[in-house]
């Protein structure tokens, strides 16, 4: 069973462990430092996470990852971009599917959002599957939309609309 909660200082060592793993960060934003430090984690927990709706994902009482929604603005104020990651030891257990479903339900029930979308790097098949299991569908493919570590990637846009 998962729980979406606020961050705690006790999450910081696991942040460092998880985000120091290149397999975890391979398809995440380049704004996450490559050599993730305790200072980076402390900044994120206490400051950086405050500009969006971001929650810690807890599984069996342990911090295992993050999920968040960045609300749109102006004409897109009823839309949000959802993003998430899990520590590698927690992959393949259905945790991400539960977290995406819970966050999506919360956003649709407690905000004015009617559309959530997730951009996914083309090779990230696991994330595509998790989104589909959570009721999202592929809306578009943006060619060469991302450039990371010297490689262009297509970005697959997955969407869920409030009905």
N, C-alpha and C. Protein backbone atom coordinates (compact mmCIF):
# COMPACT_ATOMS: atom_id res chain seq x y z
N UNK A 1 0.84 -1.18 0.00
CA UNK A 1 0.00 0.00 0.00
C UNK A 1 0.88 1.24 0.00
N UNK A 2 0.48 2.24 -0.78
CA UNK A 2 1.27 3.48 -0.82
C UNK A 2 0.59 4.58 -0.04
N UNK A 3 1.40 5.58 0.28
CA UNK A 3 0.92 6.79 0.92
C UNK A 3 1.63 7.96 0.24
N UNK A 4 0.88 8.97 -0.16
CA UNK A 4 1.48 10.21 -0.70
C UNK A 4 1.48 11.20 0.45
N UNK A 5 2.66 11.72 0.77
CA UNK A 5 2.80 12.57 1.96
C UNK A 5 3.80 13.68 1.69
N UNK A 6 3.91 14.58 2.64
CA UNK A 6 4.92 15.63 2.59
C UNK A 6 6.30 15.01 2.82
N UNK A 7 7.33 15.69 2.34
CA UNK A 7 8.69 15.22 2.59
C UNK A 7 9.05 15.40 4.06
N UNK A 8 10.03 14.60 4.48
CA UNK A 8 10.60 14.70 5.83
C UNK A 8 12.12 14.77 5.68
N UNK A 9 12.76 15.38 6.64
CA UNK A 9 14.23 15.40 6.62
C UNK A 9 14.80 13.99 6.61
N UNK A 10 14.07 13.05 7.20
CA UNK A 10 14.55 11.66 7.23
C UNK A 10 14.57 11.02 5.83
N UNK A 11 13.92 11.65 4.84
CA UNK A 11 13.95 11.15 3.46
C UNK A 11 15.27 11.47 2.75
N UNK A 12 16.01 12.43 3.27
CA UNK A 12 17.18 12.96 2.56
C UNK A 12 18.22 11.89 2.21
N UNK A 13 18.62 11.00 3.12
CA UNK A 13 19.61 9.98 2.74
C UNK A 13 19.13 9.09 1.58
N UNK A 14 17.85 8.75 1.56
CA UNK A 14 17.33 7.92 0.46
C UNK A 14 17.25 8.71 -0.83
N UNK A 15 16.94 10.01 -0.76
CA UNK A 15 16.99 10.87 -1.95
C UNK A 15 18.36 10.75 -2.60
N UNK A 16 19.39 10.92 -1.78
CA UNK A 16 20.76 10.88 -2.28
C UNK A 16 21.06 9.50 -2.90
N UNK A 17 20.68 8.45 -2.21
CA UNK A 17 20.91 7.10 -2.73
C UNK A 17 20.21 6.90 -4.07
N UNK A 18 18.92 7.21 -4.12
CA UNK A 18 18.13 6.95 -5.32
C UNK A 18 18.60 7.81 -6.50
N UNK A 19 18.81 9.11 -6.26
CA UNK A 19 19.13 10.02 -7.37
C UNK A 19 20.62 10.04 -7.72
N UNK A 20 21.40 9.23 -7.04
CA UNK A 20 22.79 9.01 -7.43
C UNK A 20 22.90 7.84 -8.39
N UNK A 21 21.80 7.19 -8.67
CA UNK A 21 21.77 6.03 -9.56
C UNK A 21 21.42 6.50 -10.98
N UNK A 22 22.35 6.37 -11.93
CA UNK A 22 22.08 6.83 -13.30
C UNK A 22 20.91 6.11 -13.97
N UNK A 23 20.58 4.90 -13.52
CA UNK A 23 19.42 4.21 -14.09
C UNK A 23 18.11 4.89 -13.68
N UNK A 24 18.10 5.52 -12.52
CA UNK A 24 16.92 6.26 -12.06
C UNK A 24 16.82 7.60 -12.79
N UNK A 25 17.93 8.29 -12.95
CA UNK A 25 17.90 9.64 -13.52
C UNK A 25 18.02 9.68 -15.04
N UNK A 26 18.25 8.55 -15.66
CA UNK A 26 18.49 8.49 -17.11
C UNK A 26 17.45 9.27 -17.91
N UNK A 27 16.17 9.16 -17.57
CA UNK A 27 15.11 9.82 -18.34
C UNK A 27 14.42 10.92 -17.54
N UNK A 28 15.07 11.41 -16.50
CA UNK A 28 14.52 12.53 -15.73
C UNK A 28 15.12 13.84 -16.25
N UNK A 29 14.55 14.94 -15.81
CA UNK A 29 15.03 16.26 -16.23
C UNK A 29 16.51 16.46 -15.88
N UNK A 30 17.20 17.18 -16.73
CA UNK A 30 18.60 17.50 -16.48
C UNK A 30 18.77 18.51 -15.35
N UNK A 31 17.68 19.04 -14.83
CA UNK A 31 17.79 19.96 -13.70
C UNK A 31 18.18 19.23 -12.42
N UNK A 32 18.09 17.90 -12.42
CA UNK A 32 18.55 17.10 -11.28
C UNK A 32 20.06 16.92 -11.43
N UNK A 33 20.85 17.38 -10.47
CA UNK A 33 22.31 17.27 -10.59
C UNK A 33 22.76 15.82 -10.75
N UNK A 34 23.79 15.61 -11.57
CA UNK A 34 24.30 14.26 -11.83
C UNK A 34 24.97 13.65 -10.60
N UNK A 35 25.67 14.44 -9.85
CA UNK A 35 26.27 13.97 -8.59
C UNK A 35 25.38 14.49 -7.48
N UNK A 36 24.29 13.77 -7.21
CA UNK A 36 23.29 14.25 -6.26
C UNK A 36 23.83 14.18 -4.84
N UNK A 37 23.76 15.31 -4.15
CA UNK A 37 24.36 15.40 -2.82
C UNK A 37 23.30 15.58 -1.74
N UNK A 38 23.74 15.48 -0.51
CA UNK A 38 22.85 15.74 0.62
C UNK A 38 22.34 17.18 0.57
N UNK A 39 23.20 18.12 0.17
CA UNK A 39 22.77 19.52 0.07
C UNK A 39 21.69 19.68 -1.00
N UNK A 40 21.82 18.95 -2.13
CA UNK A 40 20.78 18.99 -3.17
C UNK A 40 19.46 18.47 -2.63
N UNK A 41 19.50 17.37 -1.91
CA UNK A 41 18.29 16.77 -1.35
C UNK A 41 17.66 17.69 -0.31
N UNK A 42 18.47 18.27 0.53
CA UNK A 42 17.96 19.17 1.57
C UNK A 42 17.29 20.38 0.92
N UNK A 43 17.92 20.94 -0.13
CA UNK A 43 17.33 22.07 -0.85
C UNK A 43 15.97 21.66 -1.44
N UNK A 44 15.91 20.48 -2.08
CA UNK A 44 14.66 20.05 -2.70
C UNK A 44 13.55 19.87 -1.66
N UNK A 45 13.87 19.20 -0.57
CA UNK A 45 12.88 18.92 0.48
C UNK A 45 12.36 20.22 1.09
N UNK A 46 13.25 21.19 1.33
CA UNK A 46 12.86 22.40 2.05
C UNK A 46 12.50 23.58 1.18
N UNK A 47 12.93 23.61 -0.09
CA UNK A 47 12.67 24.77 -0.94
C UNK A 47 12.22 24.41 -2.35
N UNK A 48 12.99 23.62 -3.05
CA UNK A 48 12.78 23.37 -4.48
C UNK A 48 11.44 22.76 -4.83
N UNK A 49 10.90 21.97 -3.94
CA UNK A 49 9.64 21.28 -4.21
C UNK A 49 8.42 22.17 -3.99
N UNK A 50 8.64 23.38 -3.54
CA UNK A 50 7.52 24.24 -3.14
C UNK A 50 6.82 24.94 -4.30
N UNK A 51 7.38 24.91 -5.53
CA UNK A 51 6.74 25.62 -6.65
C UNK A 51 5.75 24.75 -7.41
N UNK A 52 5.53 23.56 -6.97
CA UNK A 52 4.58 22.64 -7.60
C UNK A 52 3.85 21.87 -6.50
N UNK A 53 2.98 20.98 -6.92
CA UNK A 53 2.29 20.08 -5.99
C UNK A 53 3.10 18.79 -6.00
N UNK A 54 3.91 18.59 -4.99
CA UNK A 54 4.85 17.47 -4.97
C UNK A 54 4.70 16.68 -3.68
N UNK A 55 4.73 15.36 -3.81
CA UNK A 55 4.58 14.49 -2.65
C UNK A 55 5.65 13.40 -2.66
N UNK A 56 6.01 12.98 -1.47
CA UNK A 56 6.84 11.79 -1.30
C UNK A 56 5.93 10.58 -1.50
N UNK A 57 6.46 9.55 -2.14
CA UNK A 57 5.76 8.28 -2.25
C UNK A 57 6.34 7.37 -1.17
N UNK A 58 5.46 6.90 -0.31
CA UNK A 58 5.86 6.01 0.78
C UNK A 58 5.23 4.64 0.52
N UNK A 59 6.03 3.60 0.67
CA UNK A 59 5.55 2.23 0.47
C UNK A 59 5.98 1.41 1.68
N UNK A 60 5.02 0.81 2.34
CA UNK A 60 5.30 0.05 3.57
C UNK A 60 6.12 0.86 4.57
N UNK A 61 5.79 2.16 4.67
CA UNK A 61 6.43 3.03 5.65
C UNK A 61 7.79 3.57 5.25
N UNK A 62 8.24 3.30 4.01
CA UNK A 62 9.56 3.73 3.55
C UNK A 62 9.41 4.70 2.38
N UNK A 63 10.19 5.78 2.39
CA UNK A 63 10.23 6.71 1.26
C UNK A 63 10.84 5.98 0.06
N UNK A 64 10.10 5.93 -1.07
CA UNK A 64 10.58 5.20 -2.24
C UNK A 64 10.68 6.05 -3.50
N UNK A 65 10.14 7.28 -3.46
CA UNK A 65 10.20 8.12 -4.66
C UNK A 65 9.37 9.37 -4.51
N UNK A 66 9.12 10.00 -5.65
CA UNK A 66 8.45 11.29 -5.70
C UNK A 66 7.43 11.31 -6.81
N UNK A 67 6.35 12.06 -6.59
CA UNK A 67 5.38 12.33 -7.64
C UNK A 67 4.92 13.77 -7.48
N UNK A 68 4.68 14.43 -8.61
CA UNK A 68 4.24 15.81 -8.52
C UNK A 68 3.50 16.26 -9.76
N UNK A 69 2.81 17.36 -9.61
CA UNK A 69 2.11 17.99 -10.72
C UNK A 69 2.48 19.46 -10.75
N UNK A 70 2.91 19.91 -11.91
CA UNK A 70 3.21 21.33 -12.10
C UNK A 70 2.01 21.94 -12.81
N UNK A 71 1.25 22.79 -12.11
CA UNK A 71 0.08 23.39 -12.73
C UNK A 71 0.45 24.32 -13.88
N UNK A 72 -0.41 24.36 -14.88
CA UNK A 72 -0.24 25.31 -15.98
C UNK A 72 -0.64 26.70 -15.52
N UNK A 73 -0.46 27.67 -16.39
CA UNK A 73 -0.83 29.04 -16.06
C UNK A 73 -1.59 29.67 -17.23
N UNK A 74 -2.21 30.76 -16.95
CA UNK A 74 -2.99 31.52 -17.93
C UNK A 74 -3.99 30.62 -18.65
N UNK A 75 -3.90 30.52 -19.97
CA UNK A 75 -4.86 29.72 -20.74
C UNK A 75 -4.80 28.24 -20.37
N UNK A 76 -3.71 27.81 -19.80
CA UNK A 76 -3.51 26.40 -19.47
C UNK A 76 -3.63 26.14 -17.96
N UNK A 77 -4.33 27.02 -17.27
CA UNK A 77 -4.46 26.91 -15.82
C UNK A 77 -5.25 25.68 -15.39
N UNK A 78 -5.96 25.05 -16.30
CA UNK A 78 -6.74 23.87 -15.98
C UNK A 78 -6.02 22.58 -16.39
N UNK A 79 -4.74 22.71 -16.67
CA UNK A 79 -3.90 21.58 -17.08
C UNK A 79 -2.73 21.46 -16.11
N UNK A 80 -2.15 20.29 -16.07
CA UNK A 80 -0.97 20.10 -15.25
C UNK A 80 -0.08 19.01 -15.82
N UNK A 81 1.23 19.15 -15.59
CA UNK A 81 2.20 18.14 -16.02
C UNK A 81 2.54 17.27 -14.83
N UNK A 82 2.32 15.97 -14.96
CA UNK A 82 2.61 15.03 -13.89
C UNK A 82 3.97 14.37 -14.14
N UNK A 83 4.73 14.22 -13.10
CA UNK A 83 6.03 13.56 -13.19
C UNK A 83 6.29 12.74 -11.94
N UNK A 84 7.17 11.77 -12.05
CA UNK A 84 7.38 10.84 -10.96
C UNK A 84 8.68 10.09 -11.17
N UNK A 85 9.21 9.52 -10.10
CA UNK A 85 10.32 8.58 -10.17
C UNK A 85 10.31 7.72 -8.92
N UNK A 86 10.90 6.55 -9.04
CA UNK A 86 11.06 5.63 -7.92
C UNK A 86 12.51 5.18 -7.83
N UNK A 87 12.97 4.89 -6.62
CA UNK A 87 14.26 4.23 -6.46
C UNK A 87 14.22 2.88 -7.15
N UNK A 88 15.34 2.48 -7.76
CA UNK A 88 15.37 1.27 -8.58
C UNK A 88 14.91 0.02 -7.83
N UNK A 89 15.21 -0.09 -6.56
CA UNK A 89 14.81 -1.29 -5.80
C UNK A 89 13.30 -1.44 -5.70
N UNK A 90 12.57 -0.40 -6.07
CA UNK A 90 11.12 -0.40 -5.93
C UNK A 90 10.39 -0.48 -7.28
N UNK A 91 11.13 -0.68 -8.34
CA UNK A 91 10.53 -0.82 -9.66
C UNK A 91 9.82 -2.17 -9.76
N UNK A 92 8.78 -2.21 -10.60
CA UNK A 92 8.10 -3.47 -10.91
C UNK A 92 7.18 -4.00 -9.83
N UNK A 93 6.82 -3.17 -8.87
CA UNK A 93 5.95 -3.62 -7.78
C UNK A 93 4.55 -3.00 -7.84
N UNK A 94 4.27 -2.21 -8.90
CA UNK A 94 2.97 -1.55 -9.01
C UNK A 94 2.88 -0.25 -8.23
N UNK A 95 3.98 0.18 -7.64
CA UNK A 95 3.97 1.39 -6.80
C UNK A 95 3.70 2.63 -7.65
N UNK A 96 4.37 2.75 -8.79
CA UNK A 96 4.18 3.93 -9.64
C UNK A 96 2.75 4.01 -10.15
N UNK A 97 2.18 2.89 -10.53
CA UNK A 97 0.79 2.88 -11.01
C UNK A 97 -0.14 3.37 -9.92
N UNK A 98 0.04 2.88 -8.70
CA UNK A 98 -0.80 3.33 -7.58
C UNK A 98 -0.61 4.82 -7.31
N UNK A 99 0.63 5.28 -7.35
CA UNK A 99 0.92 6.68 -7.06
C UNK A 99 0.33 7.61 -8.13
N UNK A 100 0.48 7.23 -9.40
CA UNK A 100 -0.07 8.05 -10.49
C UNK A 100 -1.60 8.10 -10.38
N UNK A 101 -2.21 6.97 -10.15
CA UNK A 101 -3.67 6.92 -10.01
C UNK A 101 -4.14 7.78 -8.84
N UNK A 102 -3.46 7.68 -7.71
CA UNK A 102 -3.85 8.45 -6.52
C UNK A 102 -3.66 9.95 -6.76
N UNK A 103 -2.52 10.34 -7.34
CA UNK A 103 -2.27 11.77 -7.58
C UNK A 103 -3.26 12.32 -8.61
N UNK A 104 -3.53 11.55 -9.65
CA UNK A 104 -4.48 11.98 -10.67
C UNK A 104 -5.86 12.20 -10.05
N UNK A 105 -6.33 11.24 -9.27
CA UNK A 105 -7.62 11.37 -8.61
C UNK A 105 -7.66 12.61 -7.71
N UNK A 106 -6.59 12.82 -6.95
CA UNK A 106 -6.52 13.98 -6.07
C UNK A 106 -6.60 15.27 -6.85
N UNK A 107 -5.86 15.37 -7.94
CA UNK A 107 -5.86 16.60 -8.74
C UNK A 107 -7.24 16.87 -9.34
N UNK A 108 -7.88 15.82 -9.85
CA UNK A 108 -9.19 16.00 -10.46
C UNK A 108 -10.27 16.31 -9.42
N UNK A 109 -10.10 15.83 -8.20
CA UNK A 109 -11.12 16.04 -7.16
C UNK A 109 -10.93 17.34 -6.38
N UNK A 110 -9.68 17.83 -6.29
CA UNK A 110 -9.42 18.96 -5.39
C UNK A 110 -8.94 20.23 -6.08
N UNK A 111 -8.76 20.19 -7.40
CA UNK A 111 -8.32 21.38 -8.13
C UNK A 111 -9.24 21.61 -9.32
N UNK A 112 -8.97 22.67 -10.06
CA UNK A 112 -9.73 22.96 -11.29
C UNK A 112 -9.16 22.23 -12.50
N UNK A 113 -8.15 21.42 -12.29
CA UNK A 113 -7.52 20.74 -13.42
C UNK A 113 -8.47 19.73 -14.06
N UNK A 114 -8.47 19.74 -15.39
CA UNK A 114 -9.28 18.79 -16.15
C UNK A 114 -8.42 17.96 -17.10
N UNK A 115 -7.13 18.30 -17.18
CA UNK A 115 -6.21 17.61 -18.09
C UNK A 115 -4.86 17.48 -17.42
N UNK A 116 -4.36 16.25 -17.34
CA UNK A 116 -3.00 16.00 -16.87
C UNK A 116 -2.23 15.33 -18.00
N UNK A 117 -0.97 15.71 -18.14
CA UNK A 117 -0.15 15.10 -19.19
C UNK A 117 1.22 14.77 -18.65
N UNK A 118 1.83 13.76 -19.28
CA UNK A 118 3.17 13.32 -18.88
C UNK A 118 4.02 13.16 -20.13
N UNK A 119 5.08 13.94 -20.27
CA UNK A 119 6.03 13.72 -21.36
C UNK A 119 6.98 12.58 -20.99
N UNK A 120 7.19 11.64 -21.91
CA UNK A 120 8.01 10.46 -21.62
C UNK A 120 9.07 10.32 -22.72
N UNK A 121 10.33 10.17 -22.32
CA UNK A 121 11.41 9.90 -23.28
C UNK A 121 11.07 8.60 -24.03
N UNK A 122 11.27 8.59 -25.34
CA UNK A 122 10.87 7.46 -26.19
C UNK A 122 11.33 6.09 -25.66
N UNK A 123 12.58 5.93 -25.21
CA UNK A 123 12.99 4.59 -24.78
C UNK A 123 12.41 4.12 -23.44
N UNK A 124 11.72 4.99 -22.72
CA UNK A 124 11.26 4.65 -21.38
C UNK A 124 9.94 3.87 -21.44
N UNK A 125 10.04 2.62 -21.87
CA UNK A 125 8.85 1.78 -22.06
C UNK A 125 8.12 1.50 -20.74
N UNK A 126 8.86 1.37 -19.65
CA UNK A 126 8.22 1.09 -18.37
C UNK A 126 7.30 2.23 -17.97
N UNK A 127 7.74 3.46 -18.16
CA UNK A 127 6.91 4.60 -17.80
C UNK A 127 5.67 4.68 -18.69
N UNK A 128 5.82 4.37 -19.96
CA UNK A 128 4.65 4.35 -20.86
C UNK A 128 3.62 3.34 -20.38
N UNK A 129 4.09 2.15 -20.00
CA UNK A 129 3.17 1.10 -19.52
C UNK A 129 2.46 1.52 -18.24
N UNK A 130 3.19 2.13 -17.32
CA UNK A 130 2.61 2.58 -16.05
C UNK A 130 1.51 3.62 -16.31
N UNK A 131 1.76 4.53 -17.22
CA UNK A 131 0.75 5.55 -17.51
C UNK A 131 -0.51 4.94 -18.12
N UNK A 132 -0.34 4.00 -19.03
CA UNK A 132 -1.50 3.34 -19.63
C UNK A 132 -2.28 2.59 -18.56
N UNK A 133 -1.58 1.88 -17.66
CA UNK A 133 -2.26 1.17 -16.57
C UNK A 133 -3.01 2.14 -15.67
N UNK A 134 -2.57 3.40 -15.63
CA UNK A 134 -3.20 4.42 -14.78
C UNK A 134 -4.30 5.18 -15.52
N UNK A 135 -4.65 4.73 -16.72
CA UNK A 135 -5.76 5.35 -17.45
C UNK A 135 -5.37 6.47 -18.40
N UNK A 136 -4.08 6.67 -18.63
CA UNK A 136 -3.61 7.68 -19.57
C UNK A 136 -3.54 7.06 -20.96
N UNK A 137 -3.55 7.90 -21.99
CA UNK A 137 -3.37 7.41 -23.35
C UNK A 137 -2.36 8.30 -24.07
N UNK A 138 -1.72 7.72 -25.07
CA UNK A 138 -0.74 8.49 -25.84
C UNK A 138 -1.48 9.46 -26.76
N UNK A 139 -1.13 10.73 -26.64
CA UNK A 139 -1.78 11.77 -27.43
C UNK A 139 -0.92 12.20 -28.62
N UNK A 140 0.39 12.23 -28.41
CA UNK A 140 1.27 12.76 -29.46
C UNK A 140 2.69 12.25 -29.26
N UNK A 141 3.45 12.34 -30.32
CA UNK A 141 4.89 12.11 -30.27
C UNK A 141 5.56 13.36 -30.83
N UNK A 142 6.39 13.97 -30.02
CA UNK A 142 7.13 15.15 -30.45
C UNK A 142 8.54 14.70 -30.84
N UNK A 143 8.86 14.84 -32.11
CA UNK A 143 10.15 14.36 -32.60
C UNK A 143 11.30 15.23 -32.12
N UNK A 144 12.35 14.56 -31.68
CA UNK A 144 13.58 15.23 -31.22
C UNK A 144 13.29 16.38 -30.26
N UNK A 145 12.35 16.15 -29.34
CA UNK A 145 11.93 17.20 -28.40
C UNK A 145 12.86 17.32 -27.21
N UNK A 146 13.66 16.29 -26.93
CA UNK A 146 14.55 16.30 -25.77
C UNK A 146 15.98 16.01 -26.22
N UNK A 147 16.92 16.66 -25.56
CA UNK A 147 18.34 16.43 -25.83
C UNK A 147 19.03 16.24 -24.50
N UNK A 148 19.56 15.04 -24.28
CA UNK A 148 20.22 14.73 -23.01
C UNK A 148 21.41 13.84 -23.27
N UNK A 149 22.54 14.18 -22.66
CA UNK A 149 23.78 13.41 -22.78
C UNK A 149 24.16 13.20 -24.25
N UNK A 150 23.99 14.23 -25.06
CA UNK A 150 24.41 14.19 -26.46
C UNK A 150 23.49 13.42 -27.39
N UNK A 151 22.29 13.08 -26.93
CA UNK A 151 21.35 12.29 -27.74
C UNK A 151 20.01 13.01 -27.81
N UNK A 152 19.44 13.06 -29.03
CA UNK A 152 18.07 13.55 -29.20
C UNK A 152 17.10 12.41 -28.94
N UNK A 153 16.00 12.73 -28.25
CA UNK A 153 14.95 11.75 -27.98
C UNK A 153 13.61 12.32 -28.42
N UNK A 154 12.75 11.44 -28.93
CA UNK A 154 11.36 11.81 -29.12
C UNK A 154 10.70 11.83 -27.76
N UNK A 155 9.71 12.70 -27.61
CA UNK A 155 8.94 12.78 -26.38
C UNK A 155 7.52 12.31 -26.66
N UNK A 156 7.09 11.28 -25.94
CA UNK A 156 5.74 10.76 -26.08
C UNK A 156 4.88 11.44 -25.01
N UNK A 157 3.78 12.03 -25.43
CA UNK A 157 2.91 12.75 -24.51
C UNK A 157 1.71 11.87 -24.16
N UNK A 158 1.61 11.54 -22.88
CA UNK A 158 0.49 10.75 -22.37
C UNK A 158 -0.45 11.67 -21.61
N UNK A 159 -1.76 11.46 -21.78
CA UNK A 159 -2.76 12.39 -21.26
C UNK A 159 -3.90 11.64 -20.59
N UNK A 160 -4.44 12.26 -19.55
CA UNK A 160 -5.70 11.81 -18.97
C UNK A 160 -6.59 13.04 -18.80
N UNK A 161 -7.82 12.90 -19.24
CA UNK A 161 -8.81 13.99 -19.19
C UNK A 161 -9.84 13.65 -18.12
N UNK A 162 -10.19 14.63 -17.33
CA UNK A 162 -11.25 14.44 -16.34
C UNK A 162 -12.58 14.31 -17.08
N UNK A 163 -13.31 13.28 -16.80
CA UNK A 163 -14.62 13.03 -17.46
C UNK A 163 -15.74 13.23 -16.49
